[in-house]
Amino acid sequence: MIRTTLFGLALAALAAPALAEPFTMFIYETPEDIALRSDATEAGAAYWSLWAEYSAVLAGSGAVRGGAPLRIAEADGATLSGYFILEAASHAEAEALAAAAPAALRGGRVVVMPHLAVPGMSN
């Protein structure tokens, strides 16, 4: 099981950003992890526990601004299963937060995209 201390190591290098930029972290999970989302056994509970722990660490970092698991959507063979909206001082710092996501550690992938600043609109 992934421990909070591992998440903490990934976040330790991140200082509170003075000027934060918005990013969205898109989460793509393996078919095995997708199956665990509806698993009523201990394996399913352990899966959701990893995400709850990771979410708590993100919240504690002050970087998370929102997010949610998604209903499954197939795109180019990958399964988009959720997202987080983050604020970080740089794309590299947002990537460091994403690197500790359970999907990134369990064979899936996490993609971090910067938000587009549109004049006259808030991000």
PDB file of N, CA and C in Angstrom:
ATOM      1  N   MET A   1       0.843  -1.187   0.000  1.00  0.00           N
ATOM      2  CA  MET A   1       0.000   0.000   0.000  1.00  0.00           C
ATOM      3  C   MET A   1       0.885   1.247   0.000  1.00  0.00           C
ATOM      4  N   ILE A   2       0.480   2.210  -0.743  1.00  0.00           N
ATOM      5  CA  ILE A   2       1.222   3.468  -0.807  1.00  0.00           C
ATOM      6  C   ILE A   2       0.969   4.232   0.485  1.00  0.00           C
ATOM      7  N   ARG A   3       1.995   4.778   1.033  1.00  0.00           N
ATOM      8  CA  ARG A   3       1.882   5.469   2.313  1.00  0.00           C
ATOM      9  C   ARG A   3       1.943   6.966   2.115  1.00  0.00           C
ATOM     10  N   THR A   4       1.345   7.689   3.045  1.00  0.00           N
ATOM     11  CA  THR A   4       1.358   9.145   2.985  1.00  0.00           C
ATOM     12  C   THR A   4       2.773   9.682   2.917  1.00  0.00           C
ATOM     13  N   THR A   5       3.718   8.991   3.545  1.00  0.00           N
ATOM     14  CA  THR A   5       5.102   9.469   3.515  1.00  0.00           C
ATOM     15  C   THR A   5       5.662   9.482   2.101  1.00  0.00           C
ATOM     16  N   LEU A   6       5.264   8.514   1.259  1.00  0.00           N
ATOM     17  CA  LEU A   6       5.711   8.517  -0.138  1.00  0.00           C
ATOM     18  C   LEU A   6       5.152   9.726  -0.872  1.00  0.00           C
ATOM     19  N   PHE A   7       3.879  10.011  -0.641  1.00  0.00           N
ATOM     20  CA  PHE A   7       3.282  11.190  -1.252  1.00  0.00           C
ATOM     21  C   PHE A   7       3.989  12.441  -0.738  1.00  0.00           C
ATOM     22  N   GLY A   8       4.285  12.437   0.542  1.00  0.00           N
ATOM     23  CA  GLY A   8       4.966  13.589   1.133  1.00  0.00           C
ATOM     24  C   GLY A   8       6.329  13.839   0.512  1.00  0.00           C
ATOM     25  N   LEU A   9       7.041  12.783   0.175  1.00  0.00           N
ATOM     26  CA  LEU A   9       8.342  12.935  -0.469  1.00  0.00           C
ATOM     27  C   LEU A   9       8.190  13.632  -1.821  1.00  0.00           C
ATOM     28  N   ALA A  10       7.164  13.253  -2.563  1.00  0.00           N
ATOM     29  CA  ALA A  10       6.955  13.876  -3.872  1.00  0.00           C
ATOM     30  C   ALA A  10       6.589  15.345  -3.726  1.00  0.00           C
ATOM     31  N   LEU A  11       5.948  15.684  -2.617  1.00  0.00           N
ATOM     32  CA  LEU A  11       5.492  17.056  -2.408  1.00  0.00           C
ATOM     33  C   LEU A  11       6.486  17.907  -1.634  1.00  0.00           C
ATOM     34  N   ALA A  12       7.485  17.286  -1.023  1.00  0.00           N
ATOM     35  CA  ALA A  12       8.402  18.006  -0.138  1.00  0.00           C
ATOM     36  C   ALA A  12       9.160  19.118  -0.847  1.00  0.00           C
ATOM     37  N   ALA A  13       9.477  18.905  -2.108  1.00  0.00           N
ATOM     38  CA  ALA A  13      10.253  19.903  -2.849  1.00  0.00           C
ATOM     39  C   ALA A  13       9.407  21.093  -3.281  1.00  0.00           C
ATOM     40  N   LEU A  14       8.118  20.983  -3.117  1.00  0.00           N
ATOM     41  CA  LEU A  14       7.233  22.046  -3.596  1.00  0.00           C
ATOM     42  C   LEU A  14       7.003  23.081  -2.502  1.00  0.00           C
ATOM     43  N   ALA A  15       7.437  24.283  -2.741  1.00  0.00           N
ATOM     44  CA  ALA A  15       7.170  25.374  -1.808  1.00  0.00           C
ATOM     45  C   ALA A  15       5.814  25.979  -2.152  1.00  0.00           C
ATOM     46  N   ALA A  16       5.200  26.641  -1.221  1.00  0.00           N
ATOM     47  CA  ALA A  16       3.938  27.318  -1.509  1.00  0.00           C
ATOM     48  C   ALA A  16       4.184  28.356  -2.594  1.00  0.00           C
ATOM     49  N   PRO A  17       3.507  28.218  -3.731  1.00  0.00           N
ATOM     50  CA  PRO A  17       3.799  29.120  -4.837  1.00  0.00           C
ATOM     51  C   PRO A  17       3.339  30.543  -4.561  1.00  0.00           C
ATOM     52  N   ALA A  18       4.208  31.491  -4.849  1.00  0.00           N
ATOM     53  CA  ALA A  18       3.844  32.896  -4.691  1.00  0.00           C
ATOM     54  C   ALA A  18       2.878  33.297  -5.801  1.00  0.00           C
ATOM     55  N   LEU A  19       3.189  32.925  -7.017  1.00  0.00           N
ATOM     56  CA  LEU A  19       2.320  33.197  -8.156  1.00  0.00           C
ATOM     57  C   LEU A  19       1.961  31.867  -8.794  1.00  0.00           C
ATOM     58  N   ALA A  20       0.812  31.332  -8.423  1.00  0.00           N
ATOM     59  CA  ALA A  20       0.424  30.018  -8.903  1.00  0.00           C
ATOM     60  C   ALA A  20      -0.266  30.112 -10.259  1.00  0.00           C
ATOM     61  N   GLU A  21      -0.032  29.096 -11.069  1.00  0.00           N
ATOM     62  CA  GLU A  21      -0.681  28.962 -12.363  1.00  0.00           C
ATOM     63  C   GLU A  21      -1.643  27.780 -12.285  1.00  0.00           C
ATOM     64  N   PRO A  22      -2.757  27.825 -13.030  1.00  0.00           N
ATOM     65  CA  PRO A  22      -3.694  26.700 -13.002  1.00  0.00           C
ATOM     66  C   PRO A  22      -3.311  25.606 -14.004  1.00  0.00           C
ATOM     67  N   PHE A  23      -3.503  24.354 -13.579  1.00  0.00           N
ATOM     68  CA  PHE A  23      -3.250  23.174 -14.395  1.00  0.00           C
ATOM     69  C   PHE A  23      -4.379  22.181 -14.151  1.00  0.00           C
ATOM     70  N   THR A  24      -4.650  21.336 -15.125  1.00  0.00           N
ATOM     71  CA  THR A  24      -5.542  20.206 -14.898  1.00  0.00           C
ATOM     72  C   THR A  24      -4.744  18.932 -15.086  1.00  0.00           C
ATOM     73  N   MET A  25      -4.879  18.033 -14.124  1.00  0.00           N
ATOM     74  CA  MET A  25      -4.240  16.725 -14.163  1.00  0.00           C
ATOM     75  C   MET A  25      -5.298  15.723 -14.612  1.00  0.00           C
ATOM     76  N   PHE A  26      -5.111  15.135 -15.786  1.00  0.00           N
ATOM     77  CA  PHE A  26      -6.018  14.132 -16.319  1.00  0.00           C
ATOM     78  C   PHE A  26      -5.494  12.753 -15.950  1.00  0.00           C
ATOM     79  N   ILE A  27      -6.362  11.906 -15.413  1.00  0.00           N
ATOM     80  CA  ILE A  27      -5.973  10.602 -14.892  1.00  0.00           C
ATOM     81  C   ILE A  27      -6.489   9.511 -15.832  1.00  0.00           C
ATOM     82  N   TYR A  28      -5.573   8.670 -16.290  1.00  0.00           N
ATOM     83  CA  TYR A  28      -5.901   7.532 -17.145  1.00  0.00           C
ATOM     84  C   TYR A  28      -5.493   6.267 -16.393  1.00  0.00           C
ATOM     85  N   GLU A  29      -6.454   5.384 -16.161  1.00  0.00           N
ATOM     86  CA  GLU A  29      -6.175   4.189 -15.369  1.00  0.00           C
ATOM     87  C   GLU A  29      -6.168   2.926 -16.220  1.00  0.00           C
ATOM     88  N   THR A  30      -5.542   1.901 -15.673  1.00  0.00           N
ATOM     89  CA  THR A  30      -5.489   0.599 -16.322  1.00  0.00           C
ATOM     90  C   THR A  30      -6.861  -0.074 -16.242  1.00  0.00           C
ATOM     91  N   PRO A  31      -7.126  -1.027 -17.117  1.00  0.00           N
ATOM     92  CA  PRO A  31      -8.388  -1.782 -17.027  1.00  0.00           C
ATOM     93  C   PRO A  31      -8.560  -2.465 -15.667  1.00  0.00           C
ATOM     94  N   GLU A  32      -7.456  -2.920 -15.084  1.00  0.00           N
ATOM     95  CA  GLU A  32      -7.528  -3.570 -13.773  1.00  0.00           C
ATOM     96  C   GLU A  32      -7.992  -2.586 -12.694  1.00  0.00           C
ATOM     97  N   ASP A  33      -7.473  -1.372 -12.721  1.00  0.00           N
ATOM     98  CA  ASP A  33      -7.901  -0.382 -11.729  1.00  0.00           C
ATOM     99  C   ASP A  33      -9.328   0.094 -12.001  1.00  0.00           C
ATOM    100  N   ILE A  34      -9.697   0.205 -13.262  1.00  0.00           N
ATOM    101  CA  ILE A  34     -11.079   0.575 -13.585  1.00  0.00           C
ATOM    102  C   ILE A  34     -12.037  -0.458 -12.987  1.00  0.00           C
ATOM    103  N   ALA A  35     -11.690  -1.741 -13.084  1.00  0.00           N
ATOM    104  CA  ALA A  35     -12.532  -2.798 -12.522  1.00  0.00           C
ATOM    105  C   ALA A  35     -12.651  -2.666 -11.001  1.00  0.00           C
ATOM    106  N   LEU A  36     -11.594  -2.182 -10.346  1.00  0.00           N
ATOM    107  CA  LEU A  36     -11.629  -2.032  -8.888  1.00  0.00           C
ATOM    108  C   LEU A  36     -12.595  -0.938  -8.434  1.00  0.00           C
ATOM    109  N   ARG A  37     -12.945  -0.034  -9.301  1.00  0.00           N
ATOM    110  CA  ARG A  37     -13.860   1.055  -8.921  1.00  0.00           C
ATOM    111  C   ARG A  37     -15.208   0.531  -8.447  1.00  0.00           C
ATOM    112  N   SER A  38     -15.647  -0.591  -8.994  1.00  0.00           N
ATOM    113  CA  SER A  38     -16.942  -1.155  -8.606  1.00  0.00           C
ATOM    114  C   SER A  38     -16.795  -2.473  -7.833  1.00  0.00           C
ATOM    115  N   ASP A  39     -15.593  -2.795  -7.408  1.00  0.00           N
ATOM    116  CA  ASP A  39     -15.312  -4.022  -6.661  1.00  0.00           C
ATOM    117  C   ASP A  39     -15.710  -3.814  -5.204  1.00  0.00           C
ATOM    118  N   ALA A  40     -16.601  -4.668  -4.685  1.00  0.00           N
ATOM    119  CA  ALA A  40     -17.086  -4.532  -3.305  1.00  0.00           C
ATOM    120  C   ALA A  40     -16.226  -5.294  -2.300  1.00  0.00           C
ATOM    121  N   THR A  41     -15.107  -5.874  -2.752  1.00  0.00           N
ATOM    122  CA  THR A  41     -14.234  -6.622  -1.842  1.00  0.00           C
ATOM    123  C   THR A  41     -13.194  -5.694  -1.220  1.00  0.00           C
ATOM    124  N   GLU A  42     -12.299  -6.294  -0.447  1.00  0.00           N
ATOM    125  CA  GLU A  42     -11.211  -5.513   0.168  1.00  0.00           C
ATOM    126  C   GLU A  42     -10.323  -4.865  -0.887  1.00  0.00           C
ATOM    127  N   ALA A  43     -10.177  -5.510  -2.039  1.00  0.00           N
ATOM    128  CA  ALA A  43      -9.342  -4.935  -3.106  1.00  0.00           C
ATOM    129  C   ALA A  43      -9.935  -3.615  -3.594  1.00  0.00           C
ATOM    130  N   GLY A  44     -11.239  -3.555  -3.741  1.00  0.00           N
ATOM    131  CA  GLY A  44     -11.891  -2.308  -4.146  1.00  0.00           C
ATOM    132  C   GLY A  44     -11.756  -1.238  -3.078  1.00  0.00           C
ATOM    133  N   ALA A  45     -11.922  -1.645  -1.831  1.00  0.00           N
ATOM    134  CA  ALA A  45     -11.770  -0.684  -0.723  1.00  0.00           C
ATOM    135  C   ALA A  45     -10.342  -0.154  -0.671  1.00  0.00           C
ATOM    136  N   ALA A  46      -9.354  -1.017  -0.922  1.00  0.00           N
ATOM    137  CA  ALA A  46      -7.954  -0.587  -0.911  1.00  0.00           C
ATOM    138  C   ALA A  46      -7.690   0.402  -2.044  1.00  0.00           C
ATOM    139  N   TYR A  47      -8.269   0.145  -3.206  1.00  0.00           N
ATOM    140  CA  TYR A  47      -8.140   1.056  -4.353  1.00  0.00           C
ATOM    141  C   TYR A  47      -8.643   2.451  -3.978  1.00  0.00           C
ATOM    142  N   TRP A  48      -9.870   2.527  -3.439  1.00  0.00           N
ATOM    143  CA  TRP A  48     -10.432   3.833  -3.082  1.00  0.00           C
ATOM    144  C   TRP A  48      -9.662   4.476  -1.936  1.00  0.00           C
ATOM    145  N   SER A  49      -9.092   3.666  -1.047  1.00  0.00           N
ATOM    146  CA  SER A  49      -8.288   4.199   0.050  1.00  0.00           C
ATOM    147  C   SER A  49      -7.044   4.911  -0.480  1.00  0.00           C
ATOM    148  N   LEU A  50      -6.412   4.338  -1.524  1.00  0.00           N
ATOM    149  CA  LEU A  50      -5.248   5.000  -2.130  1.00  0.00           C
ATOM    150  C   LEU A  50      -5.624   6.384  -2.653  1.00  0.00           C
ATOM    151  N   TRP A  51      -6.757   6.450  -3.331  1.00  0.00           N
ATOM    152  CA  TRP A  51      -7.183   7.741  -3.881  1.00  0.00           C
ATOM    153  C   TRP A  51      -7.578   8.725  -2.781  1.00  0.00           C
ATOM    154  N   ALA A  52      -8.201   8.233  -1.724  1.00  0.00           N
ATOM    155  CA  ALA A  52      -8.556   9.122  -0.607  1.00  0.00           C
ATOM    156  C   ALA A  52      -7.299   9.676   0.049  1.00  0.00           C
ATOM    157  N   GLU A  53      -6.288   8.828   0.222  1.00  0.00           N
ATOM    158  CA  GLU A  53      -5.027   9.262   0.824  1.00  0.00           C
ATOM    159  C   GLU A  53      -4.330  10.293  -0.068  1.00  0.00           C
ATOM    160  N   TYR A  54      -4.278  10.016  -1.363  1.00  0.00           N
ATOM    161  CA  TYR A  54      -3.645  10.947  -2.297  1.00  0.00           C
ATOM    162  C   TYR A  54      -4.397  12.282  -2.319  1.00  0.00           C
ATOM    163  N   SER A  55      -5.714  12.227  -2.332  1.00  0.00           N
ATOM    164  CA  SER A  55      -6.523  13.451  -2.320  1.00  0.00           C
ATOM    165  C   SER A  55      -6.275  14.270  -1.067  1.00  0.00           C
ATOM    166  N   ALA A  56      -6.137  13.605   0.071  1.00  0.00           N
ATOM    167  CA  ALA A  56      -5.869  14.309   1.325  1.00  0.00           C
ATOM    168  C   ALA A  56      -4.502  14.982   1.293  1.00  0.00           C
ATOM    169  N   VAL A  57      -3.512  14.308   0.711  1.00  0.00           N
ATOM    170  CA  VAL A  57      -2.179  14.905   0.610  1.00  0.00           C
ATOM    171  C   VAL A  57      -2.217  16.118  -0.318  1.00  0.00           C
ATOM    172  N   LEU A  58      -2.923  15.996  -1.451  1.00  0.00           N
ATOM    173  CA  LEU A  58      -3.057  17.149  -2.344  1.00  0.00           C
ATOM    174  C   LEU A  58      -3.733  18.314  -1.634  1.00  0.00           C
ATOM    175  N   ALA A  59      -4.813  18.021  -0.920  1.00  0.00           N
ATOM    176  CA  ALA A  59      -5.521  19.081  -0.191  1.00  0.00           C
ATOM    177  C   ALA A  59      -4.590  19.729   0.836  1.00  0.00           C
ATOM    178  N   GLY A  60      -3.807  18.922   1.521  1.00  0.00           N
ATOM    179  CA  GLY A  60      -2.863  19.449   2.510  1.00  0.00           C
ATOM    180  C   GLY A  60      -1.763  20.296   1.890  1.00  0.00           C
ATOM    181  N   SER A  61      -1.453  20.048   0.635  1.00  0.00           N
ATOM    182  CA  SER A  61      -0.410  20.828  -0.043  1.00  0.00           C
ATOM    183  C   SER A  61      -0.904  22.223  -0.416  1.00  0.00           C
ATOM    184  N   GLY A  62      -2.215  22.400  -0.427  1.00  0.00           N
ATOM    185  CA  GLY A  62      -2.784  23.681  -0.833  1.00  0.00           C
ATOM    186  C   GLY A  62      -2.847  23.872  -2.336  1.00  0.00           C
ATOM    187  N   ALA A  63      -2.473  22.856  -3.107  1.00  0.00           N
ATOM    188  CA  ALA A  63      -2.409  22.997  -4.561  1.00  0.00           C
ATOM    189  C   ALA A  63      -3.710  22.624  -5.267  1.00  0.00           C
ATOM    190  N   VAL A  64      -4.529  21.802  -4.649  1.00  0.00           N
ATOM    191  CA  VAL A  64      -5.725  21.306  -5.343  1.00  0.00           C
ATOM    192  C   VAL A  64      -6.868  22.315  -5.256  1.00  0.00           C
ATOM    193  N   ARG A  65      -7.540  22.510  -6.381  1.00  0.00           N
ATOM    194  CA  ARG A  65      -8.672  23.439  -6.450  1.00  0.00           C
ATOM    195  C   ARG A  65      -9.977  22.738  -6.793  1.00  0.00           C
ATOM    196  N   GLY A  66      -9.895  21.461  -7.101  1.00  0.00           N
ATOM    197  CA  GLY A  66     -11.088  20.684  -7.416  1.00  0.00           C
ATOM    198  C   GLY A  66     -10.699  19.397  -8.091  1.00  0.00           C
ATOM    199  N   GLY A  67     -11.712  18.604  -8.414  1.00  0.00           N
ATOM    200  CA  GLY A  67     -11.466  17.358  -9.099  1.00  0.00           C
ATOM    201  C   GLY A  67     -12.591  16.389  -8.848  1.00  0.00           C
ATOM    202  N   ALA A  68     -12.583  15.301  -9.605  1.00  0.00           N
ATOM    203  CA  ALA A  68     -13.620  14.295  -9.447  1.00  0.00           C
ATOM    204  C   ALA A  68     -13.261  13.054 -10.243  1.00  0.00           C
ATOM    205  N   PRO A  69     -13.732  11.885  -9.758  1.00  0.00           N
ATOM    206  CA  PRO A  69     -13.678  10.722 -10.632  1.00  0.00           C
ATOM    207  C   PRO A  69     -14.730  10.930 -11.721  1.00  0.00           C
ATOM    208  N   LEU A  70     -14.475  10.364 -12.885  1.00  0.00           N
ATOM    209  CA  LEU A  70     -15.405  10.531 -14.002  1.00  0.00           C
ATOM    210  C   LEU A  70     -16.043   9.206 -14.375  1.00  0.00           C
ATOM    211  N   ARG A  71     -17.209   9.295 -14.990  1.00  0.00           N
ATOM    212  CA  ARG A  71     -17.752   8.106 -15.634  1.00  0.00           C
ATOM    213  C   ARG A  71     -16.779   7.769 -16.750  1.00  0.00           C
ATOM    214  N   ILE A  72     -16.602   6.539 -17.015  1.00  0.00           N
ATOM    215  CA  ILE A  72     -15.576   6.090 -17.944  1.00  0.00           C
ATOM    216  C   ILE A  72     -15.839   6.582 -19.366  1.00  0.00           C
ATOM    217  N   ALA A  73     -14.781   7.138 -19.970  1.00  0.00           N
ATOM    218  CA  ALA A  73     -14.835   7.614 -21.350  1.00  0.00           C
ATOM    219  C   ALA A  73     -13.603   7.086 -22.073  1.00  0.00           C
ATOM    220  N   GLU A  74     -13.799   6.351 -23.142  1.00  0.00           N
ATOM    221  CA  GLU A  74     -12.677   5.808 -23.907  1.00  0.00           C
ATOM    222  C   GLU A  74     -12.213   6.850 -24.924  1.00  0.00           C
ATOM    223  N   ALA A  75     -10.905   7.026 -25.029  1.00  0.00           N
ATOM    224  CA  ALA A  75     -10.331   7.958 -25.998  1.00  0.00           C
ATOM    225  C   ALA A  75      -8.989   7.411 -26.449  1.00  0.00           C
ATOM    226  N   ASP A  76      -8.904   7.051 -27.697  1.00  0.00           N
ATOM    227  CA  ASP A  76      -7.653   6.543 -28.260  1.00  0.00           C
ATOM    228  C   ASP A  76      -7.089   5.366 -27.465  1.00  0.00           C
ATOM    229  N   GLY A  77      -7.960   4.493 -26.985  1.00  0.00           N
ATOM    230  CA  GLY A  77      -7.515   3.313 -26.265  1.00  0.00           C
ATOM    231  C   GLY A  77      -7.164   3.543 -24.815  1.00  0.00           C
ATOM    232  N   ALA A  78      -7.143   4.775 -24.359  1.00  0.00           N
ATOM    233  CA  ALA A  78      -6.852   5.076 -22.960  1.00  0.00           C
ATOM    234  C   ALA A  78      -8.165   5.359 -22.241  1.00  0.00           C
ATOM    235  N   THR A  79      -8.202   5.091 -20.950  1.00  0.00           N
ATOM    236  CA  THR A  79      -9.421   5.304 -20.173  1.00  0.00           C
ATOM    237  C   THR A  79      -9.254   6.505 -19.264  1.00  0.00           C
ATOM    238  N   LEU A  80      -9.900   7.602 -19.628  1.00  0.00           N
ATOM    239  CA  LEU A  80      -9.900   8.799 -18.794  1.00  0.00           C
ATOM    240  C   LEU A  80     -10.856   8.538 -17.644  1.00  0.00           C
ATOM    241  N   SER A  81     -10.350   8.588 -16.414  1.00  0.00           N
ATOM    242  CA  SER A  81     -11.177   8.214 -15.277  1.00  0.00           C
ATOM    243  C   SER A  81     -11.342   9.300 -14.226  1.00  0.00           C
ATOM    244  N   GLY A  82     -10.638  10.423 -14.363  1.00  0.00           N
ATOM    245  CA  GLY A  82     -10.792  11.484 -13.384  1.00  0.00           C
ATOM    246  C   GLY A  82      -9.849  12.635 -13.661  1.00  0.00           C
ATOM    247  N   TYR A  83      -9.936  13.640 -12.800  1.00  0.00           N
ATOM    248  CA  TYR A  83      -9.087  14.816 -12.961  1.00  0.00           C
ATOM    249  C   TYR A  83      -8.960  15.551 -11.638  1.00  0.00           C
ATOM    250  N   PHE A  84      -7.935  16.352 -11.538  1.00  0.00           N
ATOM    251  CA  PHE A  84      -7.760  17.323 -10.462  1.00  0.00           C
ATOM    252  C   PHE A  84      -7.401  18.647 -11.108  1.00  0.00           C
ATOM    253  N   ILE A  85      -7.897  19.729 -10.558  1.00  0.00           N
ATOM    254  CA  ILE A  85      -7.460  21.071 -10.953  1.00  0.00           C
ATOM    255  C   ILE A  85      -6.471  21.515  -9.884  1.00  0.00           C
ATOM    256  N   LEU A  86      -5.300  21.893 -10.337  1.00  0.00           N
ATOM    257  CA  LEU A  86      -4.205  22.243  -9.427  1.00  0.00           C
ATOM    258  C   LEU A  86      -3.750  23.674  -9.649  1.00  0.00           C
ATOM    259  N   GLU A  87      -3.096  24.222  -8.653  1.00  0.00           N
ATOM    260  CA  GLU A  87      -2.341  25.458  -8.806  1.00  0.00           C
ATOM    261  C   GLU A  87      -0.923  25.157  -8.385  1.00  0.00           C
ATOM    262  N   ALA A  88       0.025  25.528  -9.221  1.00  0.00           N
ATOM    263  CA  ALA A  88       1.442  25.301  -8.924  1.00  0.00           C
ATOM    264  C   ALA A  88       2.241  26.440  -9.530  1.00  0.00           C
ATOM    265  N   ALA A  89       3.431  26.637  -9.021  1.00  0.00           N
ATOM    266  CA  ALA A  89       4.276  27.728  -9.496  1.00  0.00           C
ATOM    267  C   ALA A  89       4.803  27.464 -10.902  1.00  0.00           C
ATOM    268  N   SER A  90       4.827  26.190 -11.304  1.00  0.00           N
ATOM    269  CA  SER A  90       5.354  25.856 -12.628  1.00  0.00           C
ATOM    270  C   SER A  90       4.763  24.536 -13.098  1.00  0.00           C
ATOM    271  N   HIS A  91       4.930  24.284 -14.378  1.00  0.00           N
ATOM    272  CA  HIS A  91       4.493  23.011 -14.939  1.00  0.00           C
ATOM    273  C   HIS A  91       5.254  21.862 -14.288  1.00  0.00           C
ATOM    274  N   ALA A  92       6.535  22.058 -14.012  1.00  0.00           N
ATOM    275  CA  ALA A  92       7.348  21.022 -13.366  1.00  0.00           C
ATOM    276  C   ALA A  92       6.801  20.674 -11.980  1.00  0.00           C
ATOM    277  N   GLU A  93       6.359  21.671 -11.232  1.00  0.00           N
ATOM    278  CA  GLU A  93       5.797  21.398  -9.911  1.00  0.00           C
ATOM    279  C   GLU A  93       4.465  20.671 -10.027  1.00  0.00           C
ATOM    280  N   ALA A  94       3.649  21.026 -10.995  1.00  0.00           N
ATOM    281  CA  ALA A  94       2.389  20.314 -11.219  1.00  0.00           C
ATOM    282  C   ALA A  94       2.668  18.864 -11.612  1.00  0.00           C
ATOM    283  N   GLU A  95       3.697  18.648 -12.431  1.00  0.00           N
ATOM    284  CA  GLU A  95       4.089  17.290 -12.822  1.00  0.00           C
ATOM    285  C   GLU A  95       4.561  16.489 -11.602  1.00  0.00           C
ATOM    286  N   ALA A  96       5.258  17.134 -10.677  1.00  0.00           N
ATOM    287  CA  ALA A  96       5.713  16.448  -9.465  1.00  0.00           C
ATOM    288  C   ALA A  96       4.524  16.001  -8.627  1.00  0.00           C
ATOM    289  N   LEU A  97       3.495  16.825  -8.524  1.00  0.00           N
ATOM    290  CA  LEU A  97       2.281  16.429  -7.816  1.00  0.00           C
ATOM    291  C   LEU A  97       1.631  15.233  -8.508  1.00  0.00           C
ATOM    292  N   ALA A  98       1.572  15.261  -9.823  1.00  0.00           N
ATOM    293  CA  ALA A  98       0.936  14.197 -10.596  1.00  0.00           C
ATOM    294  C   ALA A  98       1.706  12.882 -10.508  1.00  0.00           C
ATOM    295  N   ALA A  99       3.007  12.960 -10.369  1.00  0.00           N
ATOM    296  CA  ALA A  99       3.831  11.755 -10.333  1.00  0.00           C
ATOM    297  C   ALA A  99       3.499  10.850  -9.158  1.00  0.00           C
ATOM    298  N   ALA A 100       2.915  11.391  -8.109  1.00  0.00           N
ATOM    299  CA  ALA A 100       2.558  10.602  -6.928  1.00  0.00           C
ATOM    300  C   ALA A 100       1.137  10.056  -6.989  1.00  0.00           C
ATOM    301  N   ALA A 101       0.402  10.326  -8.055  1.00  0.00           N
ATOM    302  CA  ALA A 101      -0.969   9.835  -8.185  1.00  0.00           C
ATOM    303  C   ALA A 101      -0.980   8.316  -8.279  1.00  0.00           C
ATOM    304  N   PRO A 102      -1.937   7.653  -7.624  1.00  0.00           N
ATOM    305  CA  PRO A 102      -1.997   6.190  -7.715  1.00  0.00           C
ATOM    306  C   PRO A 102      -1.975   5.666  -9.148  1.00  0.00           C
ATOM    307  N   ALA A 103      -2.656   6.312 -10.067  1.00  0.00           N
ATOM    308  CA  ALA A 103      -2.654   5.839 -11.459  1.00  0.00           C
ATOM    309  C   ALA A 103      -1.244   5.843 -12.036  1.00  0.00           C
ATOM    310  N   ALA A 104      -0.462   6.855 -11.720  1.00  0.00           N
ATOM    311  CA  ALA A 104       0.905   6.951 -12.230  1.00  0.00           C
ATOM    312  C   ALA A 104       1.796   5.860 -11.645  1.00  0.00           C
ATOM    313  N   LEU A 105       1.471   5.407 -10.450  1.00  0.00           N
ATOM    314  CA  LEU A 105       2.279   4.399  -9.768  1.00  0.00           C
ATOM    315  C   LEU A 105       1.805   2.977 -10.026  1.00  0.00           C
ATOM    316  N   ARG A 106       0.645   2.818 -10.694  1.00  0.00           N
ATOM    317  CA  ARG A 106       0.050   1.494 -10.861  1.00  0.00           C
ATOM    318  C   ARG A 106      -0.136   1.113 -12.334  1.00  0.00           C
ATOM    319  N   GLY A 107       0.647   1.711 -13.221  1.00  0.00           N
ATOM    320  CA  GLY A 107       0.603   1.306 -14.619  1.00  0.00           C
ATOM    321  C   GLY A 107      -0.255   2.166 -15.522  1.00  0.00           C
ATOM    322  N   GLY A 108      -0.974   3.133 -14.952  1.00  0.00           N
ATOM    323  CA  GLY A 108      -1.755   4.064 -15.766  1.00  0.00           C
ATOM    324  C   GLY A 108      -0.883   5.245 -16.144  1.00  0.00           C
ATOM    325  N   ARG A 109      -1.526   6.347 -16.464  1.00  0.00           N
ATOM    326  CA  ARG A 109      -0.739   7.549 -16.741  1.00  0.00           C
ATOM    327  C   ARG A 109      -1.519   8.774 -16.290  1.00  0.00           C
ATOM    328  N   VAL A 110      -0.778   9.832 -16.070  1.00  0.00           N
ATOM    329  CA  VAL A 110      -1.346  11.105 -15.649  1.00  0.00           C
ATOM    330  C   VAL A 110      -0.764  12.174 -16.558  1.00  0.00           C
ATOM    331  N   VAL A 111      -1.637  13.006 -17.111  1.00  0.00           N
ATOM    332  CA  VAL A 111      -1.214  14.069 -18.022  1.00  0.00           C
ATOM    333  C   VAL A 111      -1.568  15.399 -17.382  1.00  0.00           C
ATOM    334  N   VAL A 112      -0.598  16.318 -17.316  1.00  0.00           N
ATOM    335  CA  VAL A 112      -0.824  17.647 -16.742  1.00  0.00           C
ATOM    336  C   VAL A 112      -0.809  18.665 -17.867  1.00  0.00           C
ATOM    337  N   MET A 113      -1.889  19.425 -17.957  1.00  0.00           N
ATOM    338  CA  MET A 113      -2.023  20.443 -18.993  1.00  0.00           C
ATOM    339  C   MET A 113      -2.226  21.809 -18.347  1.00  0.00           C
ATOM    340  N   PRO A 114      -1.495  22.832 -18.802  1.00  0.00           N
ATOM    341  CA  PRO A 114      -1.736  24.187 -18.290  1.00  0.00           C
ATOM    342  C   PRO A 114      -3.048  24.732 -18.846  1.00  0.00           C
ATOM    343  N   HIS A 115      -3.681  25.569 -18.070  1.00  0.00           N
ATOM    344  CA  HIS A 115      -4.901  26.235 -18.538  1.00  0.00           C
ATOM    345  C   HIS A 115      -4.525  27.359 -19.490  1.00  0.00           C
ATOM    346  N   LEU A 116      -5.387  27.635 -20.413  1.00  0.00           N
ATOM    347  CA  LEU A 116      -5.186  28.730 -21.355  1.00  0.00           C
ATOM    348  C   LEU A 116      -5.758  30.000 -20.752  1.00  0.00           C
ATOM    349  N   ALA A 117      -4.943  31.021 -20.648  1.00  0.00           N
ATOM    350  CA  ALA A 117      -5.420  32.319 -20.154  1.00  0.00           C
ATOM    351  C   ALA A 117      -6.167  33.021 -21.288  1.00  0.00           C
ATOM    352  N   VAL A 118      -7.439  33.286 -21.035  1.00  0.00           N
ATOM    353  CA  VAL A 118      -8.272  33.957 -22.040  1.00  0.00           C
ATOM    354  C   VAL A 118      -8.617  35.341 -21.518  1.00  0.00           C
ATOM    355  N   PRO A 119      -8.287  36.393 -22.231  1.00  0.00           N
ATOM    356  CA  PRO A 119      -8.603  37.732 -21.751  1.00  0.00           C
ATOM    357  C   PRO A 119     -10.081  37.892 -21.452  1.00  0.00           C
ATOM    358  N   GLY A 120     -10.378  38.454 -20.294  1.00  0.00           N
ATOM    359  CA  GLY A 120     -11.757  38.696 -19.914  1.00  0.00           C
ATOM    360  C   GLY A 120     -12.451  37.536 -19.224  1.00  0.00           C
ATOM    361  N   MET A 121     -11.757  36.399 -19.117  1.00  0.00           N
ATOM    362  CA  MET A 121     -12.337  35.240 -18.438  1.00  0.00           C
ATOM    363  C   MET A 121     -11.437  34.837 -17.284  1.00  0.00           C
ATOM    364  N   SER A 122     -12.038  34.372 -16.194  1.00  0.00           N
ATOM    365  CA  SER A 122     -11.229  33.884 -15.081  1.00  0.00           C
ATOM    366  C   SER A 122     -10.991  32.396 -15.282  1.00  0.00           C
ATOM    367  N   ASN A 123      -9.840  31.928 -14.829  1.00  0.00           N
ATOM    368  CA  ASN A 123      -9.535  30.497 -14.935  1.00  0.00           C
ATOM    369  C   ASN A 123      -9.929  29.871 -13.646  1.00  0.00           C
TER     370      ASN A 123
END
